[in-house]
Protein backbone atom coordinates (compact mmCIF):
# COMPACT_ATOMS: atom_id res chain seq x y z
CA UNK A 1 -91.47 149.76 69.48
CA UNK A 2 -91.24 153.47 70.37
CA UNK A 3 -90.48 156.21 67.90
CA UNK A 4 -86.81 156.55 68.93
CA UNK A 5 -86.19 152.85 68.35
CA UNK A 6 -87.92 153.05 64.97
CA UNK A 7 -85.71 155.98 63.87
CA UNK A 8 -82.60 154.16 65.13
CA UNK A 9 -83.53 151.03 63.16
CA UNK A 10 -84.15 153.07 60.00
CA UNK A 11 -80.81 154.83 60.50
CA UNK A 12 -78.96 151.50 60.90
CA UNK A 13 -80.64 150.08 57.79
CA UNK A 14 -79.62 153.20 55.85
CA UNK A 15 -75.99 152.87 57.01
CA UNK A 16 -75.98 149.18 56.07
CA UNK A 17 -77.37 149.83 52.59
CA UNK A 18 -74.93 152.71 52.04
CA UNK A 19 -72.00 150.51 53.01
CA UNK A 20 -73.19 147.77 50.69
CA UNK A 21 -73.60 150.26 47.86
CA UNK A 22 -70.12 151.68 48.40
CA UNK A 23 -68.61 148.20 48.55
CA UNK A 24 -70.37 147.23 45.34
CA UNK A 25 -69.29 150.48 43.64
CA UNK A 26 -65.70 149.99 44.82
CA UNK A 27 -65.71 146.41 43.55
CA UNK A 28 -67.13 147.61 40.22
CA UNK A 29 -64.52 150.39 39.95
CA UNK A 30 -61.68 148.00 40.78
CA UNK A 31 -62.99 145.52 38.21
CA UNK A 32 -63.17 148.25 35.54
CA UNK A 33 -59.71 149.50 36.54
CA UNK A 34 -58.24 146.02 36.31
CA UNK A 35 -59.90 145.35 32.97
CA UNK A 36 -58.74 148.72 31.67
CA UNK A 37 -55.22 148.15 32.97
CA UNK A 38 -55.02 144.78 31.27
CA UNK A 39 -56.33 146.33 28.05
CA UNK A 40 -53.72 149.09 28.15
CA UNK A 41 -51.00 146.52 28.71
CA UNK A 42 -52.26 144.44 25.80
CA UNK A 43 -53.22 147.23 23.38
CA UNK A 44 -51.93 150.81 23.15
CA UNK A 45 -50.57 153.43 20.78
CA UNK A 46 -46.86 154.13 21.17
CA UNK A 47 -46.19 156.51 18.26
CA UNK A 48 -49.47 157.98 17.07
CA UNK A 49 -48.38 160.68 14.60
CA UNK A 50 -45.40 162.42 13.01
CA UNK A 51 -42.95 163.37 15.78
CA UNK A 52 -45.04 161.53 18.31
CA UNK A 53 -47.66 163.83 19.80
CA UNK A 54 -49.55 167.11 19.56
CA UNK A 55 -46.38 169.06 20.44
CA UNK A 56 -44.25 167.15 17.89
CA UNK A 57 -41.62 166.54 20.59
CA UNK A 58 -41.75 162.77 21.34
CA UNK A 59 -39.43 160.49 19.39
CA UNK A 60 -39.30 157.27 21.47
CA UNK A 61 -38.04 156.05 24.85
CA UNK A 62 -34.34 155.13 24.74
CA UNK A 63 -31.83 154.68 21.94
CA UNK A 64 -28.99 152.18 21.39
CA UNK A 65 -25.27 152.99 21.30
CA UNK A 66 -24.62 151.17 18.02
CA UNK A 67 -26.12 150.99 14.54
CA UNK A 68 -25.86 147.25 14.06
CA UNK A 69 -28.50 145.93 11.65
CA UNK A 70 -30.96 143.72 13.55
CA UNK A 71 -33.28 143.14 10.58
CA UNK A 72 -34.34 144.69 7.29
CA UNK A 73 -37.72 144.72 5.59
CA UNK A 74 -37.89 145.29 1.84
CA UNK A 75 -40.43 148.07 1.28
CA UNK A 76 -40.16 147.87 -2.49
CA UNK A 77 -40.30 150.28 -5.41
CA UNK A 78 -43.03 152.30 -7.10
CA UNK A 79 -43.59 154.87 -9.82
CA UNK A 80 -44.93 158.39 -9.54
CA UNK A 81 -45.22 161.48 -11.71
CA UNK A 82 -43.13 164.52 -10.78
CA UNK A 83 -44.42 167.18 -13.12
CA UNK A 84 -44.17 165.57 -16.56
CA UNK A 85 -41.46 163.09 -15.54
CA UNK A 86 -42.24 159.51 -14.56
CA UNK A 87 -40.02 158.71 -11.56
CA UNK A 88 -39.19 155.40 -9.89
CA UNK A 89 -38.68 155.65 -6.12
CA UNK A 90 -37.61 152.95 -3.66
CA UNK A 91 -38.14 152.47 0.07
CA UNK A 92 -39.65 155.47 1.81
CA UNK A 93 -38.67 159.09 2.24
CA UNK A 94 -39.77 162.43 3.66
CA UNK A 95 -41.42 162.39 6.21
CA UNK A 96 -41.94 158.61 6.42
CA UNK A 97 -41.66 158.10 10.19
CA UNK A 98 -42.89 154.69 11.42
CA UNK A 99 -46.00 154.60 13.58
CA UNK A 100 -46.00 152.00 16.37
CA UNK A 101 -48.94 150.18 17.94
CA UNK A 102 -49.09 147.44 20.56
CA UNK A 103 -51.98 145.05 19.92
CA UNK A 104 -52.57 141.90 21.96
CA UNK A 105 -49.07 142.15 23.44
CA UNK A 106 -47.45 142.30 19.98
CA UNK A 107 -45.66 145.39 18.64
CA UNK A 108 -46.36 146.48 15.07
CA UNK A 109 -44.98 149.21 12.83
CA UNK A 110 -47.24 150.98 10.35
CA UNK A 111 -45.11 152.28 7.49
CA UNK A 112 -46.07 154.04 4.27
CA UNK A 113 -43.86 153.14 1.31
CA UNK A 114 -42.96 154.19 -2.21
CA UNK A 115 -44.38 150.95 -3.62
CA UNK A 116 -47.82 152.59 -2.99
CA UNK A 117 -48.58 150.35 0.03
CA UNK A 118 -49.32 151.10 3.66
CA UNK A 119 -47.73 148.22 5.55
CA UNK A 120 -48.29 146.53 8.90
CA UNK A 121 -44.96 145.03 10.00
CA UNK A 122 -44.23 142.94 13.09
CA UNK A 123 -41.52 144.60 15.14
CA UNK A 124 -39.92 141.45 16.54
CA UNK A 125 -38.74 140.13 13.18
CA UNK A 126 -39.69 142.66 10.49
CA UNK A 127 -42.27 140.37 8.90
CA UNK A 128 -45.04 141.87 6.75
CA UNK A 129 -48.44 141.07 8.26
CA UNK A 130 -50.81 143.06 6.02
CA UNK A 131 -50.75 145.89 3.51
CA UNK A 132 -53.18 148.18 1.69
CA UNK A 133 -52.47 149.62 -1.75
CA UNK A 134 -52.91 153.36 -2.29
CA UNK A 135 -53.17 155.12 -5.66
CA UNK A 136 -49.63 156.52 -5.58
CA UNK A 137 -46.46 156.62 -3.50
CA UNK A 138 -46.86 157.35 0.20
CA UNK A 139 -44.52 160.05 1.49
CA UNK A 140 -45.98 161.38 4.72
CA UNK A 141 -46.51 159.82 8.13
CA UNK A 142 -50.01 158.75 9.11
CA UNK A 143 -51.90 159.38 12.35
CA UNK A 144 -53.50 156.73 14.55
CA UNK A 145 -57.02 157.43 15.80
CA UNK A 146 -58.31 155.36 18.73
CA UNK A 147 -62.05 154.83 18.86
CA UNK A 148 -63.20 155.68 22.43
CA UNK A 149 -66.31 153.49 22.04
CA UNK A 150 -65.29 150.50 19.93
CA UNK A 151 -68.02 148.02 19.04
CA UNK A 152 -65.46 145.22 18.93
CA UNK A 153 -61.72 144.59 18.83
CA UNK A 154 -61.63 145.31 15.10
CA UNK A 155 -63.04 148.79 15.71
CA UNK A 156 -60.31 150.15 18.03
CA UNK A 157 -57.58 151.69 15.82
CA UNK A 158 -57.66 153.47 12.46
CA UNK A 159 -54.77 154.87 10.42
CA UNK A 160 -55.41 158.23 8.73
CA UNK A 161 -52.94 158.27 5.85
CA UNK A 162 -52.25 160.51 2.87
CA UNK A 163 -50.50 159.83 -0.42
CA UNK A 164 -49.65 161.51 -3.70
CA UNK A 165 -52.70 161.97 -5.89
CA UNK A 166 -52.27 159.04 -8.31
CA UNK A 167 -51.53 158.97 -12.04
CA UNK A 168 -55.10 157.97 -12.85
CA UNK A 169 -56.43 161.32 -11.57
CA UNK A 170 -55.90 164.42 -13.68
CA UNK A 171 -55.22 167.76 -12.04
CA UNK A 172 -58.84 168.80 -12.66
CA UNK A 173 -60.47 165.47 -11.75
CA UNK A 174 -63.71 165.89 -9.75
CA UNK A 175 -62.48 163.45 -7.09
CA UNK A 176 -58.88 162.81 -5.96
CA UNK A 177 -59.03 160.44 -2.94
CA UNK A 178 -55.51 161.12 -1.66
CA UNK A 179 -56.41 160.78 2.03
CA UNK A 180 -57.86 157.60 3.51
CA UNK A 181 -58.81 155.93 6.79
CA UNK A 182 -57.57 152.34 7.10
CA UNK A 183 -58.66 149.87 9.80
CA UNK A 184 -55.59 148.69 11.71
CA UNK A 185 -57.19 145.31 12.35
CA UNK A 186 -58.45 144.44 8.87
CA UNK A 187 -56.25 146.85 6.87
CA UNK A 188 -59.24 147.75 4.74
CA UNK A 189 -60.38 151.22 3.69
CA UNK A 190 -63.20 152.75 5.77
CA UNK A 191 -63.47 156.24 4.20
CA UNK A 192 -61.71 158.50 1.70
CA UNK A 193 -61.35 162.28 1.54
CA UNK A 194 -61.57 164.13 -1.75
CA UNK A 195 -58.74 166.67 -1.92
CA UNK A 196 -60.55 169.20 -4.09
CA UNK A 197 -58.99 171.33 -6.82
CA UNK A 198 -57.82 174.74 -5.57
CA UNK A 199 -55.31 177.34 -6.83
CA UNK A 200 -52.44 175.19 -5.59
CA UNK A 201 -50.78 172.93 -8.15
CA UNK A 202 -50.92 169.91 -5.80
CA UNK A 203 -53.68 167.61 -4.57
CA UNK A 204 -51.37 165.30 -2.61
CA UNK A 205 -51.57 164.84 1.16
CA UNK A 206 -48.28 164.63 3.06
CA UNK A 207 -49.15 166.01 6.50
CA UNK A 208 -50.08 164.07 9.63
CA UNK A 209 -53.41 164.99 11.20
CA UNK A 210 -53.52 166.38 14.73
CA UNK A 211 -56.33 164.76 16.76
CA UNK A 212 -57.73 166.46 19.87
CA UNK A 213 -60.80 165.10 21.66
CA UNK A 214 -61.79 163.04 18.62
CA UNK A 215 -61.60 166.04 16.30
CA UNK A 216 -58.91 166.02 13.60
CA UNK A 217 -57.04 169.02 12.14
CA UNK A 218 -55.01 168.88 8.94
CA UNK A 219 -53.42 171.15 6.34
CA UNK A 220 -53.57 169.87 2.76
CA UNK A 221 -51.34 170.41 -0.25
CA UNK A 222 -54.25 171.99 -2.11
CA UNK A 223 -53.98 174.93 0.34
CA UNK A 224 -56.95 174.09 2.56
CA UNK A 225 -57.07 173.57 6.32
CA UNK A 226 -59.79 171.13 7.38
CA UNK A 227 -61.33 170.23 10.74
CA UNK A 228 -63.12 166.89 10.62
CA UNK A 229 -64.51 163.85 12.43
CA UNK A 230 -62.17 160.87 11.95
CA UNK A 231 -64.76 158.30 13.09
CA UNK A 232 -65.69 155.95 10.22
CA UNK A 233 -69.00 155.19 11.94
CA UNK A 234 -70.03 158.83 11.39
CA UNK A 235 -68.86 159.10 7.76
CA UNK A 236 -71.34 160.34 5.13
CA UNK A 237 -71.76 159.91 1.39
CA UNK A 238 -70.30 162.82 -0.55
CA UNK A 239 -69.23 162.95 -4.22
CA UNK A 240 -70.21 159.30 -4.49
CA UNK A 241 -67.83 158.18 -1.72
CA UNK A 242 -68.05 157.58 2.01
CA UNK A 243 -66.20 160.60 3.46
CA UNK A 244 -65.61 162.06 6.94
CA UNK A 245 -67.86 164.74 8.36
CA UNK A 246 -66.19 168.14 7.85
CA UNK A 247 -66.66 170.63 10.69
CA UNK A 248 -64.72 173.59 9.27
CA UNK A 249 -62.63 174.61 6.26
CA UNK A 250 -60.22 177.53 5.87
CA UNK A 251 -57.50 178.58 3.44
CA UNK A 252 -53.77 178.63 4.18
CA UNK A 253 -52.83 181.34 1.71
CA UNK A 254 -53.73 184.86 0.67
CA UNK A 255 -54.58 186.05 -2.82
CA UNK A 256 -51.45 188.20 -2.98
CA UNK A 257 -49.25 185.10 -2.38
CA UNK A 258 -49.83 184.17 -6.01
CA UNK A 259 -47.57 187.05 -7.04
CA UNK A 260 -44.55 185.41 -5.42
CA UNK A 261 -45.44 181.74 -4.99
CA UNK A 262 -47.50 181.10 -8.10
CA UNK A 263 -49.40 177.88 -7.38
CA UNK A 264 -47.12 176.82 -4.52
CA UNK A 265 -49.65 177.11 -1.70
CA UNK A 266 -48.67 173.59 -0.69
CA UNK A 267 -48.95 172.64 2.99
CA UNK A 268 -46.84 169.57 3.74
CA UNK A 269 -46.37 170.18 7.46
CA UNK A 270 -48.26 168.60 10.36
CA UNK A 271 -50.30 170.81 12.74
CA UNK A 272 -49.26 171.33 16.37
CA UNK A 273 -51.27 172.28 19.45
CA UNK A 274 -50.45 175.05 21.94
CA UNK A 275 -52.71 176.87 24.41
CA UNK A 276 -56.01 176.58 22.58
CA UNK A 277 -54.54 177.04 19.11
CA UNK A 278 -53.66 174.70 16.28
CA UNK A 279 -50.58 176.00 14.47
CA UNK A 280 -49.85 174.95 10.91
CA UNK A 281 -46.90 175.97 8.71
CA UNK A 282 -47.70 176.60 5.05
CA UNK A 283 -45.61 176.68 1.89
CA UNK A 284 -47.40 179.92 1.07
CA UNK A 285 -44.96 181.62 3.46
CA UNK A 286 -47.01 181.83 6.65
CA UNK A 287 -47.51 180.20 10.04
CA UNK A 288 -51.24 180.17 10.80
CA UNK A 289 -52.89 179.95 14.22
CA UNK A 290 -56.37 178.41 14.28
CA UNK A 291 -58.33 179.46 17.37
CA UNK A 292 -60.18 176.32 18.48
CA UNK A 293 -62.70 178.21 20.60
CA UNK A 294 -63.53 180.77 17.91
CA UNK A 295 -63.19 178.17 15.11
CA UNK A 296 -61.22 180.54 12.92
CA UNK A 297 -57.67 181.54 11.98
CA UNK A 298 -57.01 184.77 13.87
CA UNK A 299 -53.17 184.80 14.02
CA UNK A 300 -50.52 184.47 11.36
CA UNK A 301 -46.82 185.17 11.00
CA UNK A 302 -45.12 185.73 7.63
CA UNK A 303 -41.63 184.65 6.58
CA UNK A 304 -42.31 184.79 2.85
CA UNK A 305 -40.41 181.54 2.30
CA UNK A 306 -41.49 178.12 1.23
CA UNK A 307 -41.80 176.17 4.48
CA UNK A 308 -42.41 172.42 4.72
CA UNK A 309 -41.29 171.55 8.26
CA UNK A 310 -43.77 171.23 11.13
CA UNK A 311 -43.86 173.67 14.03
CA UNK A 312 -42.39 172.07 17.17
CA UNK A 313 -43.71 173.25 20.54
CA UNK A 314 -41.14 174.09 23.22
CA UNK A 315 -41.45 173.83 27.02
CA UNK A 316 -41.68 177.65 27.27
CA UNK A 317 -44.74 177.82 25.00
CA UNK A 318 -43.00 178.85 21.80
CA UNK A 319 -42.68 177.30 18.34
CA UNK A 320 -39.58 176.36 16.39
CA UNK A 321 -40.10 176.56 12.64
CA UNK A 322 -37.78 175.87 9.71
CA UNK A 323 -37.38 178.11 6.67
CA UNK A 324 -36.27 177.32 3.14
CA UNK A 325 -34.33 179.74 0.95
CA UNK A 326 -36.91 179.72 -1.85
CA UNK A 327 -38.87 182.97 -2.50
CA UNK A 328 -36.90 185.12 -0.02
CA UNK A 329 -33.98 187.57 -0.44
CA UNK A 330 -32.36 186.51 2.85
CA UNK A 331 -31.17 183.16 4.15
CA UNK A 332 -33.18 180.18 5.27
CA UNK A 333 -32.66 178.49 8.61
CA UNK A 334 -34.49 177.86 11.90
CA UNK A 335 -36.52 180.34 13.92
CA UNK A 336 -38.16 180.41 17.34
CA UNK A 337 -41.36 182.42 17.66
CA UNK A 338 -43.71 183.19 20.55
CA UNK A 339 -47.29 183.11 19.18
CA UNK A 340 -48.66 184.70 22.35
CA UNK A 341 -47.22 187.97 21.03
CA UNK A 342 -48.32 190.00 17.99
CA UNK A 343 -46.70 188.76 14.76
CA UNK A 344 -44.37 191.76 14.44
CA UNK A 345 -42.99 191.09 17.95
CA UNK A 346 -43.02 187.29 18.10
CA UNK A 347 -39.52 186.35 16.89
CA UNK A 348 -37.31 185.12 19.74
CA UNK A 349 -34.30 184.20 17.58
CA UNK A 350 -33.29 183.31 14.06
CA UNK A 351 -30.46 180.95 13.10
CA UNK A 352 -29.58 181.39 9.40
CA UNK A 353 -27.78 178.62 7.53
CA UNK A 354 -25.46 178.97 4.58
CA UNK A 355 -27.05 179.23 1.14
CA UNK A 356 -25.96 176.13 -0.74
CA UNK A 357 -27.98 174.04 -3.16
CA UNK A 358 -28.59 170.31 -3.31
CA UNK A 359 -30.68 168.67 -6.04
CA UNK A 360 -33.54 171.15 -6.55
CA UNK A 361 -33.31 172.59 -3.02
CA UNK A 362 -32.15 176.22 -2.94
CA UNK A 363 -30.93 176.14 0.65
CA UNK A 364 -32.15 176.63 4.20
CA UNK A 365 -33.80 173.89 6.27
CA UNK A 366 -36.41 171.67 4.61
CA UNK A 367 -37.28 169.18 7.35
CA UNK A 368 -38.55 169.90 10.84
CA UNK A 369 -36.43 170.75 13.84
CA UNK A 370 -36.57 168.65 17.00
CA UNK A 371 -36.22 169.49 20.70
CA UNK A 372 -35.17 167.50 23.76
CA UNK A 373 -37.78 169.09 26.04
CA UNK A 374 -39.66 165.81 26.54
CA UNK A 375 -36.47 164.17 27.85
CA UNK A 376 -34.48 167.01 29.43
CA UNK A 377 -33.94 166.75 33.18
CA UNK A 378 -33.52 169.89 35.29
CA UNK A 379 -29.77 169.74 34.79
CA UNK A 380 -29.88 169.23 31.03
CA UNK A 381 -29.91 172.24 28.67
CA UNK A 382 -32.92 172.58 26.38
CA UNK A 383 -31.74 171.85 22.85
CA UNK A 384 -33.05 172.05 19.31
CA UNK A 385 -31.51 170.15 16.39
CA UNK A 386 -31.91 170.61 12.63
CA UNK A 387 -30.00 169.70 9.46
CA UNK A 388 -29.63 172.17 6.61
CA UNK A 389 -29.12 171.85 2.89
CA UNK A 390 -25.66 173.36 3.50
CA UNK A 391 -24.58 169.93 4.79
CA UNK A 392 -24.37 170.64 8.53
CA UNK A 393 -26.18 169.36 11.59
CA UNK A 394 -26.82 172.20 14.03
CA UNK A 395 -27.69 171.91 17.73
CA UNK A 396 -28.62 175.11 19.59
CA UNK A 397 -29.69 175.98 23.13
CA UNK A 398 -33.17 177.05 22.18
CA UNK A 399 -33.85 179.00 25.39
CA UNK A 400 -30.51 180.87 25.40
CA UNK A 401 -30.16 183.94 23.20
CA UNK A 402 -26.75 185.30 22.26
CA UNK A 403 -27.31 189.04 22.49
CA UNK A 404 -23.88 189.76 21.02
CA UNK A 405 -25.04 188.52 17.62
CA UNK A 406 -27.77 189.91 15.42
CA UNK A 407 -28.57 188.70 11.92
CA UNK A 408 -30.83 189.75 9.08
CA UNK A 409 -34.19 188.04 8.91
CA UNK A 410 -35.45 186.04 5.92
CA UNK A 411 -36.98 189.12 4.29
CA UNK A 412 -34.03 191.42 5.17
CA UNK A 413 -36.48 193.78 6.90
CA UNK A 414 -35.61 193.02 10.54
CA UNK A 415 -32.63 191.96 12.59
CA UNK A 416 -32.94 189.16 15.14
CA UNK A 417 -30.81 187.68 17.90
CA UNK A 418 -29.25 184.26 17.44
CA UNK A 419 -29.46 181.31 19.86
CA UNK A 420 -26.33 179.88 21.45
CA UNK A 421 -24.76 177.24 19.21
CA UNK A 422 -23.99 174.02 21.13
CA UNK A 423 -22.76 171.72 18.36
CA UNK A 424 -22.13 171.71 14.62
CA UNK A 425 -21.10 168.73 12.50
CA UNK A 426 -20.68 168.17 8.77
CA UNK A 427 -23.07 165.29 8.02
CA UNK A 428 -23.95 166.12 4.45
CA UNK A 429 -27.25 167.68 3.37
CA UNK A 430 -30.61 166.37 4.52
CA UNK A 431 -34.32 167.09 4.35
CA UNK A 432 -35.03 164.77 7.26
CA UNK A 433 -35.56 165.56 10.95
CA UNK A 434 -32.79 164.63 13.41
CA UNK A 435 -34.25 163.34 16.66
CA UNK A 436 -32.97 163.72 20.23
CA UNK A 437 -33.85 160.88 22.62
CA UNK A 438 -32.27 161.09 26.06
CA UNK A 439 -28.52 161.57 25.58
CA UNK A 440 -28.55 160.35 21.96
CA UNK A 441 -29.03 162.21 18.70
CA UNK A 442 -29.89 160.37 15.46
CA UNK A 443 -29.34 162.29 12.22
CA UNK A 444 -30.50 160.85 8.85
CA UNK A 445 -28.83 162.43 5.82
CA UNK A 446 -28.20 161.88 2.12
CA UNK A 447 -24.74 160.62 3.11
CA UNK A 448 -25.76 158.13 5.81
CA UNK A 449 -27.28 157.74 9.27
CA UNK A 450 -25.34 159.31 12.17
CA UNK A 451 -25.59 158.40 15.85
CA UNK A 452 -24.20 160.82 18.47
CA UNK A 453 -24.05 160.79 22.26
CA UNK A 454 -23.69 163.87 24.46
CA UNK A 455 -23.33 164.72 28.15
CA UNK A 456 -24.65 167.51 30.37
CA UNK A 457 -21.71 169.71 29.41
CA UNK A 458 -22.74 169.23 25.76
CA UNK A 459 -19.70 167.30 24.71
CA UNK A 460 -20.86 165.44 21.60
CA UNK A 461 -19.31 162.19 20.42
CA UNK A 462 -19.96 160.40 17.14
CA UNK A 463 -20.71 156.79 18.06
CA UNK A 464 -21.26 155.41 14.58
CA UNK A 465 -22.30 156.24 11.03
CA UNK A 466 -24.09 153.82 8.72
CA UNK A 467 -23.36 154.73 5.11
CA UNK A 468 -25.90 152.47 3.42
CA UNK A 469 -27.73 154.86 1.14
CA UNK A 470 -29.73 158.08 1.30
CA UNK A 471 -32.01 158.62 4.27
CA UNK A 472 -34.89 161.08 3.92
CA UNK A 473 -37.35 159.56 6.38
CA UNK A 474 -37.48 160.41 10.09
CA UNK A 475 -36.54 157.63 12.57
CA UNK A 476 -38.44 156.41 15.62
CA UNK A 477 -36.77 154.85 18.67
CA UNK A 478 -38.16 152.20 20.99
CA UNK A 479 -36.56 149.92 23.58
CA UNK A 480 -33.02 150.37 22.32
CA UNK A 481 -33.88 150.03 18.63
CA UNK A 482 -33.93 152.62 15.83
CA UNK A 483 -36.48 152.12 13.04
CA UNK A 484 -35.98 154.16 9.88
CA UNK A 485 -36.79 153.78 6.19
CA UNK A 486 -34.14 154.25 3.53
CA UNK A 487 -34.10 155.19 -0.16
CA UNK A 488 -32.32 151.90 -0.95
CA UNK A 489 -35.74 150.19 -0.66
CA UNK A 490 -35.53 148.93 2.93
CA UNK A 491 -36.89 149.62 6.37
CA UNK A 492 -34.06 149.13 8.87
CA UNK A 493 -34.03 148.10 12.50
CA UNK A 494 -30.74 149.16 14.15
CA UNK A 495 -29.55 148.35 17.67
CA UNK A 496 -26.73 147.19 19.91
C-alpha cells in the first residue's frame, strides 16, 4: 500500500469515527433533552415568590370572569402578640400570596397561615397534604428555591419562609429563628436563620427572598439586608443551630433615622432585581440599591415615609414604589422612579392619594402596586394599579405623564408630575396588592374581593364582587382560577 492510499485510509477512518461520535453525542443530547422535557412537564415552579418573579410583575396566566366559589380550605386561627396585646387572627393576611408548584403532574399550593402553619394544599380539591408548624403566625409569602443538583426527588424544592418572632422569644433573646427553610417533599425543617437583635423593634420576617443564580437576597424587619446561600446542603452550625451561609450583611437605615422613626427600621418588602442591582424598600424611609458586582449598597432614594410595599420593575427599567402617610408632612401615594439617575433626579411621577385613616393606618398606600407589563401586547397601554387607605382603587398609565399637573412630593420639598389616571373606583380601603392578569383586574379589600374587566380603550367593567369578609392577602391566578386567603379563616378558590 503506497503512502497516498495509507493517508486516504486514515482520513476515511477519521471521518467514520467523527460521524459516530457526533451521532452518539446527538443521541445523548436528545436523550437528555427528552428526559429534561419530561421532568419539566412533571415538576416545575409556577409561582416562586411574592408577585411571581424577580421583577414582581407576574401574577398568573389567565383569570376567570366570575367569582363563584369552587372550593374552600379552612386555614384556621392562631394567636400572636401585637405589642402588649394578645391577638387572635384567622386565615391569612398581608402579604399571604399562595405559591404554586407542580410535582409529579399534580399542582400544589404552599400557603402560610395565621394558625402558625405552613401548608401544602392540593389544588384540584383544596385538600391539606402536609403542614409544618412555625413559632408564630405567618404573614409574608415564601420563596421557592430549586436545587440545581438534587441528590434525589426529595431534594428538589425548598420553601424559604418567614414568620413573626414567636411569644416564647423575648425581644432580647439570643436566638429568634423567624426564618426557616422547609423541604417541599417532606415538609420538614432543613435550616433556620437567627434574626438578630438590632435597633429595630421587630425581629419578624415578612419579606420574600429574591434568588438569583442560587444566591438569595432579603431585607429583614430587624433592619438588616442579608445575602446568603439557600442550599441546605451547605448550611453550617451557628449559635447552636444549622443556619445558611451568609455572604454579606448591610443595614437598611441610617443613624439619623432614629430621630424620626424611632425603632421603626422595619423592612417588610421583598427585593427586586434590575440591571445588576437588587432594590429593597425599607420602612426607615429609603429605597436602597445593592450593587451585586461591588457587593455593596451604593444608591439610595429617600421619601422619609414608612414604606412596606415592594418595588415593582417596569418594562422601561424603572421602579414603582408605594408610600404611606406616616412620618411625612405631605401625602402618601404611589411613585415611579428611575434608579439609573441620581436620587435627586430620579422621580418620574408621583400620584398622591387622599389622607384618610383606617384602623391604625394614617393614609397613603400600604401594599405594593402592580403592573400589566408582563401581559401587555403592543396595542395595550402599560398600566399600574394600587389601592389606598382612602378607599379607592387607582389605575394609571405608568408611562404617560400628565405635564399639566404638578403636585407636592411626600416631603413638600419638590413638585412632581402626575401620571395619567385611567380608572378610579371606590372599593373600600385595602393594604393588599391588586393584580392585573390579561384583561382582568382583581382587587382584594377590607370590603370584599372585586373582579374587573377592561378593553384596549380602558373601559373598565365590574364583573362581580364577593363580600365574604376582609381580604388582606394578595391573590394568584392560574388556569381560570383565583386563589386568595381571607381573614374569615379560609383559603378560597374562585372561578367560572
